[in-house]
């Protein structure tokens, strides 16, 4: 617990010294990388493989949003996005 608190304090101090400008630069770089088509494609492949491993296979999200009584899970939207 002490190590976590110490790590959080050190991170806070270093982050405060870096300033808002550096934070904004890191966020811009992250978004640029995350929005790149190659990264998006790799993320889609990874999601599909994880889905196969956990047994979702070819079931759609709407099929997994139904509980055993056939009612929709309230956390899932009732509409389908294109």
PDB file of N, CA and C in Angstrom:
ATOM      1  N   UNK A   1       0.828  -1.185   0.000  1.00  0.00           N
ATOM      2  CA  UNK A   1       0.000   0.000   0.000  1.00  0.00           C
ATOM      3  C   UNK A   1       0.871   1.246   0.000  1.00  0.00           C
ATOM      4  N   UNK A   2       1.965   1.200   0.772  1.00  0.00           N
ATOM      5  CA  UNK A   2       2.868   2.351   0.819  1.00  0.00           C
ATOM      6  C   UNK A   2       3.486   2.610  -0.546  1.00  0.00           C
ATOM      7  N   UNK A   3       3.842   1.538  -1.254  1.00  0.00           N
ATOM      8  CA  UNK A   3       4.453   1.689  -2.576  1.00  0.00           C
ATOM      9  C   UNK A   3       3.476   2.341  -3.554  1.00  0.00           C
ATOM     10  N   UNK A   4       2.201   1.966  -3.469  1.00  0.00           N
ATOM     11  CA  UNK A   4       1.200   2.561  -4.355  1.00  0.00           C
ATOM     12  C   UNK A   4       1.054   4.051  -4.092  1.00  0.00           C
ATOM     13  N   UNK A   5       0.952   4.431  -2.828  1.00  0.00           N
ATOM     14  CA  UNK A   5       0.811   5.846  -2.466  1.00  0.00           C
ATOM     15  C   UNK A   5       2.049   6.622  -2.899  1.00  0.00           C
ATOM     16  N   UNK A   6       3.227   6.055  -2.680  1.00  0.00           N
ATOM     17  CA  UNK A   6       4.464   6.718  -3.086  1.00  0.00           C
ATOM     18  C   UNK A   6       4.509   6.868  -4.609  1.00  0.00           C
ATOM     19  N   UNK A   7       4.137   5.828  -5.327  1.00  0.00           N
ATOM     20  CA  UNK A   7       4.118   5.895  -6.792  1.00  0.00           C
ATOM     21  C   UNK A   7       3.137   6.925  -7.305  1.00  0.00           C
ATOM     22  N   UNK A   8       1.964   6.999  -6.679  1.00  0.00           N
ATOM     23  CA  UNK A   8       0.971   7.992  -7.081  1.00  0.00           C
ATOM     24  C   UNK A   8       1.480   9.401  -6.818  1.00  0.00           C
ATOM     25  N   UNK A   9       2.148   9.609  -5.692  1.00  0.00           N
ATOM     26  CA  UNK A   9       2.680  10.930  -5.365  1.00  0.00           C
ATOM     27  C   UNK A   9       3.776  11.336  -6.347  1.00  0.00           C
ATOM     28  N   UNK A  10       4.672  10.421  -6.657  1.00  0.00           N
ATOM     29  CA  UNK A  10       5.746  10.723  -7.613  1.00  0.00           C
ATOM     30  C   UNK A  10       5.153  11.014  -8.986  1.00  0.00           C
ATOM     31  N   UNK A  11       4.191  10.223  -9.413  1.00  0.00           N
ATOM     32  CA  UNK A  11       3.532  10.458 -10.696  1.00  0.00           C
ATOM     33  C   UNK A  11       2.840  11.804 -10.750  1.00  0.00           C
ATOM     34  N   UNK A  12       2.206  12.184  -9.662  1.00  0.00           N
ATOM     35  CA  UNK A  12       1.522  13.475  -9.604  1.00  0.00           C
ATOM     36  C   UNK A  12       2.519  14.619  -9.741  1.00  0.00           C
ATOM     37  N   UNK A  13       3.625  14.542  -9.001  1.00  0.00           N
ATOM     38  CA  UNK A  13       4.630  15.612  -9.038  1.00  0.00           C
ATOM     39  C   UNK A  13       5.246  15.714 -10.432  1.00  0.00           C
ATOM     40  N   UNK A  14       5.626  14.581 -11.014  1.00  0.00           N
ATOM     41  CA  UNK A  14       6.224  14.616 -12.348  1.00  0.00           C
ATOM     42  C   UNK A  14       5.222  15.098 -13.389  1.00  0.00           C
ATOM     43  N   UNK A  15       3.989  14.679 -13.264  1.00  0.00           N
ATOM     44  CA  UNK A  15       2.957  15.135 -14.193  1.00  0.00           C
ATOM     45  C   UNK A  15       2.693  16.620 -14.070  1.00  0.00           C
ATOM     46  N   UNK A  16       2.717  17.130 -12.849  1.00  0.00           N
ATOM     47  CA  UNK A  16       2.484  18.556 -12.634  1.00  0.00           C
ATOM     48  C   UNK A  16       3.635  19.378 -13.216  1.00  0.00           C
ATOM     49  N   UNK A  17       4.858  18.849 -13.121  1.00  0.00           N
ATOM     50  CA  UNK A  17       6.011  19.563 -13.674  1.00  0.00           C
ATOM     51  C   UNK A  17       5.969  19.568 -15.194  1.00  0.00           C
ATOM     52  N   UNK A  18       5.460  18.501 -15.807  1.00  0.00           N
ATOM     53  CA  UNK A  18       5.412  18.430 -17.261  1.00  0.00           C
ATOM     54  C   UNK A  18       4.422  19.452 -17.806  1.00  0.00           C
ATOM     55  N   UNK A  19       3.341  19.663 -17.112  1.00  0.00           N
ATOM     56  CA  UNK A  19       2.381  20.683 -17.509  1.00  0.00           C
ATOM     57  C   UNK A  19       1.329  20.222 -18.487  1.00  0.00           C
ATOM     58  N   UNK A  20       0.402  21.124 -18.728  1.00  0.00           N
ATOM     59  CA  UNK A  20      -0.740  20.841 -19.594  1.00  0.00           C
ATOM     60  C   UNK A  20      -0.324  20.648 -21.054  1.00  0.00           C
ATOM     61  N   UNK A  21       0.671  21.397 -21.486  1.00  0.00           N
ATOM     62  CA  UNK A  21       1.122  21.290 -22.870  1.00  0.00           C
ATOM     63  C   UNK A  21       1.602  19.892 -23.215  1.00  0.00           C
ATOM     64  N   UNK A  22       2.383  19.306 -22.349  1.00  0.00           N
ATOM     65  CA  UNK A  22       2.888  17.951 -22.573  1.00  0.00           C
ATOM     66  C   UNK A  22       1.742  16.948 -22.541  1.00  0.00           C
ATOM     67  N   UNK A  23       0.793  17.146 -21.632  1.00  0.00           N
ATOM     68  CA  UNK A  23      -0.373  16.274 -21.562  1.00  0.00           C
ATOM     69  C   UNK A  23      -1.145  16.317 -22.881  1.00  0.00           C
ATOM     70  N   UNK A  24      -1.385  17.519 -23.385  1.00  0.00           N
ATOM     71  CA  UNK A  24      -2.107  17.663 -24.648  1.00  0.00           C
ATOM     72  C   UNK A  24      -1.351  16.998 -25.797  1.00  0.00           C
ATOM     73  N   UNK A  25      -0.017  17.103 -25.793  1.00  0.00           N
ATOM     74  CA  UNK A  25       0.796  16.475 -26.825  1.00  0.00           C
ATOM     75  C   UNK A  25       0.649  14.952 -26.774  1.00  0.00           C
ATOM     76  N   UNK A  26       0.667  14.391 -25.583  1.00  0.00           N
ATOM     77  CA  UNK A  26       0.516  12.943 -25.421  1.00  0.00           C
ATOM     78  C   UNK A  26      -0.861  12.497 -25.895  1.00  0.00           C
ATOM     79  N   UNK A  27      -1.897  13.250 -25.556  1.00  0.00           N
ATOM     80  CA  UNK A  27      -3.257  12.896 -25.962  1.00  0.00           C
ATOM     81  C   UNK A  27      -3.395  12.963 -27.485  1.00  0.00           C
ATOM     82  N   UNK A  28      -2.836  13.989 -28.122  1.00  0.00           N
ATOM     83  CA  UNK A  28      -2.893  14.107 -29.583  1.00  0.00           C
ATOM     84  C   UNK A  28      -2.203  12.921 -30.253  1.00  0.00           C
ATOM     85  N   UNK A  29      -1.043  12.553 -29.739  1.00  0.00           N
ATOM     86  CA  UNK A  29      -0.310  11.428 -30.307  1.00  0.00           C
ATOM     87  C   UNK A  29      -1.095  10.134 -30.140  1.00  0.00           C
ATOM     88  N   UNK A  30      -1.669   9.927 -28.961  1.00  0.00           N
ATOM     89  CA  UNK A  30      -2.464   8.727 -28.706  1.00  0.00           C
ATOM     90  C   UNK A  30      -3.640   8.650 -29.682  1.00  0.00           C
ATOM     91  N   UNK A  31      -4.349   9.742 -29.854  1.00  0.00           N
ATOM     92  CA  UNK A  31      -5.514   9.745 -30.747  1.00  0.00           C
ATOM     93  C   UNK A  31      -5.108   9.505 -32.189  1.00  0.00           C
ATOM     94  N   UNK A  32      -3.980  10.074 -32.596  1.00  0.00           N
ATOM     95  CA  UNK A  32      -3.502   9.880 -33.959  1.00  0.00           C
ATOM     96  C   UNK A  32      -3.190   8.403 -34.205  1.00  0.00           C
ATOM     97  N   UNK A  33      -2.546   7.773 -33.241  1.00  0.00           N
ATOM     98  CA  UNK A  33      -2.209   6.354 -33.374  1.00  0.00           C
ATOM     99  C   UNK A  33      -3.477   5.503 -33.302  1.00  0.00           C
ATOM    100  N   UNK A  34      -4.353   5.793 -32.345  1.00  0.00           N
ATOM    101  CA  UNK A  34      -5.561   4.989 -32.159  1.00  0.00           C
ATOM    102  C   UNK A  34      -6.513   5.096 -33.341  1.00  0.00           C
ATOM    103  N   UNK A  35      -6.521   6.230 -34.040  1.00  0.00           N
ATOM    104  CA  UNK A  35      -7.422   6.420 -35.173  1.00  0.00           C
ATOM    105  C   UNK A  35      -6.842   5.926 -36.491  1.00  0.00           C
ATOM    106  N   UNK A  36      -5.602   5.465 -36.490  1.00  0.00           N
ATOM    107  CA  UNK A  36      -4.963   4.995 -37.725  1.00  0.00           C
ATOM    108  C   UNK A  36      -5.683   3.733 -38.209  1.00  0.00           C
ATOM    109  N   UNK A  37      -5.955   3.638 -39.521  1.00  0.00           N
ATOM    110  CA  UNK A  37      -6.686   2.475 -40.043  1.00  0.00           C
ATOM    111  C   UNK A  37      -6.031   1.129 -39.724  1.00  0.00           C
ATOM    112  N   UNK A  38      -4.710   1.065 -39.739  1.00  0.00           N
ATOM    113  CA  UNK A  38      -4.038  -0.210 -39.443  1.00  0.00           C
ATOM    114  C   UNK A  38      -4.288  -0.627 -37.999  1.00  0.00           C
ATOM    115  N   UNK A  39      -4.285   0.334 -37.090  1.00  0.00           N
ATOM    116  CA  UNK A  39      -4.537   0.032 -35.680  1.00  0.00           C
ATOM    117  C   UNK A  39      -5.991  -0.391 -35.500  1.00  0.00           C
ATOM    118  N   UNK A  40      -6.898   0.283 -36.189  1.00  0.00           N
ATOM    119  CA  UNK A  40      -8.315  -0.081 -36.104  1.00  0.00           C
ATOM    120  C   UNK A  40      -8.535  -1.504 -36.611  1.00  0.00           C
ATOM    121  N   UNK A  41      -7.871  -1.863 -37.718  1.00  0.00           N
ATOM    122  CA  UNK A  41      -7.997  -3.212 -38.262  1.00  0.00           C
ATOM    123  C   UNK A  41      -7.468  -4.260 -37.305  1.00  0.00           C
ATOM    124  N   UNK A  42      -6.316  -3.980 -36.711  1.00  0.00           N
ATOM    125  CA  UNK A  42      -5.732  -4.923 -35.760  1.00  0.00           C
ATOM    126  C   UNK A  42      -6.626  -5.077 -34.535  1.00  0.00           C
ATOM    127  N   UNK A  43      -7.240  -3.987 -34.096  1.00  0.00           N
ATOM    128  CA  UNK A  43      -8.137  -4.053 -32.942  1.00  0.00           C
ATOM    129  C   UNK A  43      -9.368  -4.898 -33.271  1.00  0.00           C
ATOM    130  N   UNK A  44      -9.871  -4.783 -34.495  1.00  0.00           N
ATOM    131  CA  UNK A  44     -11.017  -5.594 -34.907  1.00  0.00           C
ATOM    132  C   UNK A  44     -10.686  -7.078 -34.921  1.00  0.00           C
ATOM    133  N   UNK A  45      -9.502  -7.405 -35.435  1.00  0.00           N
ATOM    134  CA  UNK A  45      -9.064  -8.804 -35.457  1.00  0.00           C
ATOM    135  C   UNK A  45      -8.921  -9.325 -34.032  1.00  0.00           C
ATOM    136  N   UNK A  46      -8.332  -8.502 -33.162  1.00  0.00           N
ATOM    137  CA  UNK A  46      -8.146  -8.916 -31.765  1.00  0.00           C
ATOM    138  C   UNK A  46      -9.492  -9.136 -31.084  1.00  0.00           C
ATOM    139  N   UNK A  47     -10.457  -8.238 -31.325  1.00  0.00           N
ATOM    140  CA  UNK A  47     -11.791  -8.408 -30.737  1.00  0.00           C
ATOM    141  C   UNK A  47     -12.438  -9.700 -31.205  1.00  0.00           C
ATOM    142  N   UNK A  48     -12.291 -10.004 -32.498  1.00  0.00           N
ATOM    143  CA  UNK A  48     -12.888 -11.231 -33.037  1.00  0.00           C
ATOM    144  C   UNK A  48     -12.263 -12.463 -32.397  1.00  0.00           C
ATOM    145  N   UNK A  49     -10.945 -12.456 -32.244  1.00  0.00           N
ATOM    146  CA  UNK A  49     -10.282 -13.614 -31.641  1.00  0.00           C
ATOM    147  C   UNK A  49     -10.668 -13.777 -30.176  1.00  0.00           C
ATOM    148  N   UNK A  50     -10.787 -12.672 -29.454  1.00  0.00           N
ATOM    149  CA  UNK A  50     -11.210 -12.754 -28.050  1.00  0.00           C
ATOM    150  C   UNK A  50     -12.645 -13.272 -27.984  1.00  0.00           C
ATOM    151  N   UNK A  51     -13.483 -12.810 -28.887  1.00  0.00           N
ATOM    152  CA  UNK A  51     -14.865 -13.281 -28.926  1.00  0.00           C
ATOM    153  C   UNK A  51     -14.952 -14.773 -29.166  1.00  0.00           C
ATOM    154  N   UNK A  52     -14.082 -15.284 -30.043  1.00  0.00           N
ATOM    155  CA  UNK A  52     -14.060 -16.728 -30.289  1.00  0.00           C
ATOM    156  C   UNK A  52     -13.603 -17.484 -29.048  1.00  0.00           C
ATOM    157  N   UNK A  53     -12.624 -16.942 -28.344  1.00  0.00           N
ATOM    158  CA  UNK A  53     -12.082 -17.621 -27.163  1.00  0.00           C
ATOM    159  C   UNK A  53     -13.098 -17.694 -26.031  1.00  0.00           C
ATOM    160  N   UNK A  54     -13.919 -16.635 -25.877  1.00  0.00           N
ATOM    161  CA  UNK A  54     -14.886 -16.640 -24.787  1.00  0.00           C
ATOM    162  C   UNK A  54     -16.207 -17.277 -25.198  1.00  0.00           C
ATOM    163  N   UNK A  55     -16.274 -17.767 -26.429  1.00  0.00           N
ATOM    164  CA  UNK A  55     -17.434 -18.521 -26.848  1.00  0.00           C
ATOM    165  C   UNK A  55     -18.561 -17.708 -27.436  1.00  0.00           C
ATOM    166  N   UNK A  56     -18.307 -16.462 -27.818  1.00  0.00           N
ATOM    167  CA  UNK A  56     -19.366 -15.677 -28.445  1.00  0.00           C
ATOM    168  C   UNK A  56     -19.499 -16.035 -29.913  1.00  0.00           C
ATOM    169  N   UNK A  57     -18.449 -16.552 -30.489  1.00  0.00           N
ATOM    170  CA  UNK A  57     -18.477 -17.028 -31.872  1.00  0.00           C
ATOM    171  C   UNK A  57     -19.155 -16.069 -32.809  1.00  0.00           C
ATOM    172  N   UNK A  58     -20.202 -16.522 -33.495  1.00  0.00           N
ATOM    173  CA  UNK A  58     -20.875 -15.705 -34.486  1.00  0.00           C
ATOM    174  C   UNK A  58     -22.095 -14.978 -33.955  1.00  0.00           C
ATOM    175  N   UNK A  59     -22.351 -15.053 -32.666  1.00  0.00           N
ATOM    176  CA  UNK A  59     -23.530 -14.387 -32.126  1.00  0.00           C
ATOM    177  C   UNK A  59     -23.347 -12.887 -32.175  1.00  0.00           C
ATOM    178  N   UNK A  60     -24.403 -12.198 -32.513  1.00  0.00           N
ATOM    179  CA  UNK A  60     -24.334 -10.738 -32.571  1.00  0.00           C
ATOM    180  C   UNK A  60     -24.458 -10.154 -31.173  1.00  0.00           C
ATOM    181  N   UNK A  61     -24.144  -8.877 -31.074  1.00  0.00           N
ATOM    182  CA  UNK A  61     -24.229  -8.198 -29.783  1.00  0.00           C
ATOM    183  C   UNK A  61     -25.668  -8.208 -29.279  1.00  0.00           C
ATOM    184  N   UNK A  62     -26.636  -8.042 -30.201  1.00  0.00           N
ATOM    185  CA  UNK A  62     -28.032  -8.030 -29.766  1.00  0.00           C
ATOM    186  C   UNK A  62     -28.453  -9.395 -29.218  1.00  0.00           C
ATOM    187  N   UNK A  63     -27.877 -10.470 -29.753  1.00  0.00           N
ATOM    188  CA  UNK A  63     -28.207 -11.797 -29.242  1.00  0.00           C
ATOM    189  C   UNK A  63     -27.629 -12.007 -27.850  1.00  0.00           C
ATOM    190  N   UNK A  64     -26.459 -11.444 -27.602  1.00  0.00           N
ATOM    191  CA  UNK A  64     -25.857 -11.599 -26.284  1.00  0.00           C
ATOM    192  C   UNK A  64     -26.473 -10.648 -25.273  1.00  0.00           C
ATOM    193  N   UNK A  65     -27.229  -9.655 -25.733  1.00  0.00           N
ATOM    194  CA  UNK A  65     -27.840  -8.689 -24.825  1.00  0.00           C
ATOM    195  C   UNK A  65     -29.152  -9.216 -24.243  1.00  0.00           C
ATOM    196  N   UNK A  66     -29.584 -10.407 -24.632  1.00  0.00           N
ATOM    197  CA  UNK A  66     -30.816 -10.972 -24.123  1.00  0.00           C
ATOM    198  C   UNK A  66     -30.518 -11.871 -22.937  1.00  0.00           C
ATOM    199  N   UNK A  67     -31.354 -11.778 -21.917  1.00  0.00           N
ATOM    200  CA  UNK A  67     -31.145 -12.671 -20.777  1.00  0.00           C
ATOM    201  C   UNK A  67     -31.889 -13.973 -21.014  1.00  0.00           C
ATOM    202  N   UNK A  68     -31.898 -14.860 -20.057  1.00  0.00           N
ATOM    203  CA  UNK A  68     -32.482 -16.186 -20.254  1.00  0.00           C
ATOM    204  C   UNK A  68     -33.995 -16.151 -20.455  1.00  0.00           C
ATOM    205  N   UNK A  69     -34.657 -15.103 -20.030  1.00  0.00           N
ATOM    206  CA  UNK A  69     -36.105 -14.996 -20.211  1.00  0.00           C
ATOM    207  C   UNK A  69     -36.470 -14.346 -21.539  1.00  0.00           C
ATOM    208  N   UNK A  70     -35.464 -13.977 -22.347  1.00  0.00           N
ATOM    209  CA  UNK A  70     -35.740 -13.355 -23.627  1.00  0.00           C
ATOM    210  C   UNK A  70     -35.898 -11.846 -23.541  1.00  0.00           C
ATOM    211  N   UNK A  71     -35.770 -11.284 -22.345  1.00  0.00           N
ATOM    212  CA  UNK A  71     -35.882  -9.831 -22.213  1.00  0.00           C
ATOM    213  C   UNK A  71     -34.529  -9.201 -22.442  1.00  0.00           C
ATOM    214  N   UNK A  72     -34.527  -7.978 -22.948  1.00  0.00           N
ATOM    215  CA  UNK A  72     -33.275  -7.276 -23.214  1.00  0.00           C
ATOM    216  C   UNK A  72     -32.625  -6.847 -21.923  1.00  0.00           C
ATOM    217  N   UNK A  73     -31.302  -6.826 -21.933  1.00  0.00           N
ATOM    218  CA  UNK A  73     -30.516  -6.292 -20.834  1.00  0.00           C
ATOM    219  C   UNK A  73     -30.679  -4.776 -20.857  1.00  0.00           C
ATOM    220  N   UNK A  74     -31.009  -4.149 -19.751  1.00  0.00           N
ATOM    221  CA  UNK A  74     -31.274  -2.716 -19.732  1.00  0.00           C
ATOM    222  C   UNK A  74     -30.030  -1.883 -20.022  1.00  0.00           C
ATOM    223  N   UNK A  75     -28.846  -2.462 -19.910  1.00  0.00           N
ATOM    224  CA  UNK A  75     -27.640  -1.707 -20.191  1.00  0.00           C
ATOM    225  C   UNK A  75     -27.350  -1.628 -21.685  1.00  0.00           C
ATOM    226  N   UNK A  76     -28.045  -2.401 -22.500  1.00  0.00           N
ATOM    227  CA  UNK A  76     -27.846  -2.403 -23.941  1.00  0.00           C
ATOM    228  C   UNK A  76     -28.885  -1.512 -24.596  1.00  0.00           C
ATOM    229  N   UNK A  77     -28.507  -0.735 -25.605  1.00  0.00           N
ATOM    230  CA  UNK A  77     -29.481   0.102 -26.296  1.00  0.00           C
ATOM    231  C   UNK A  77     -30.455  -0.754 -27.097  1.00  0.00           C
ATOM    232  N   UNK A  78     -31.688  -0.269 -27.230  1.00  0.00           N
ATOM    233  CA  UNK A  78     -32.710  -1.012 -27.940  1.00  0.00           C
ATOM    234  C   UNK A  78     -32.616  -0.828 -29.453  1.00  0.00           C
ATOM    235  N   UNK A  79     -31.800   0.078 -29.922  1.00  0.00           N
ATOM    236  CA  UNK A  79     -31.660   0.345 -31.351  1.00  0.00           C
ATOM    237  C   UNK A  79     -30.329  -0.212 -31.857  1.00  0.00           C
ATOM    238  N   UNK A  80     -30.234  -0.374 -33.155  1.00  0.00           N
ATOM    239  CA  UNK A  80     -29.009  -0.867 -33.766  1.00  0.00           C
ATOM    240  C   UNK A  80     -28.325   0.282 -34.505  1.00  0.00           C
ATOM    241  N   UNK A  81     -27.064   0.477 -34.237  1.00  0.00           N
ATOM    242  CA  UNK A  81     -26.320   1.515 -34.939  1.00  0.00           C
ATOM    243  C   UNK A  81     -25.780   0.935 -36.233  1.00  0.00           C
ATOM    244  N   UNK A  82     -25.779   1.729 -37.310  1.00  0.00           N
ATOM    245  CA  UNK A  82     -25.269   1.213 -38.605  1.00  0.00           C
ATOM    246  C   UNK A  82     -23.791   0.947 -38.564  1.00  0.00           C
TER     247      UNK A  82
END
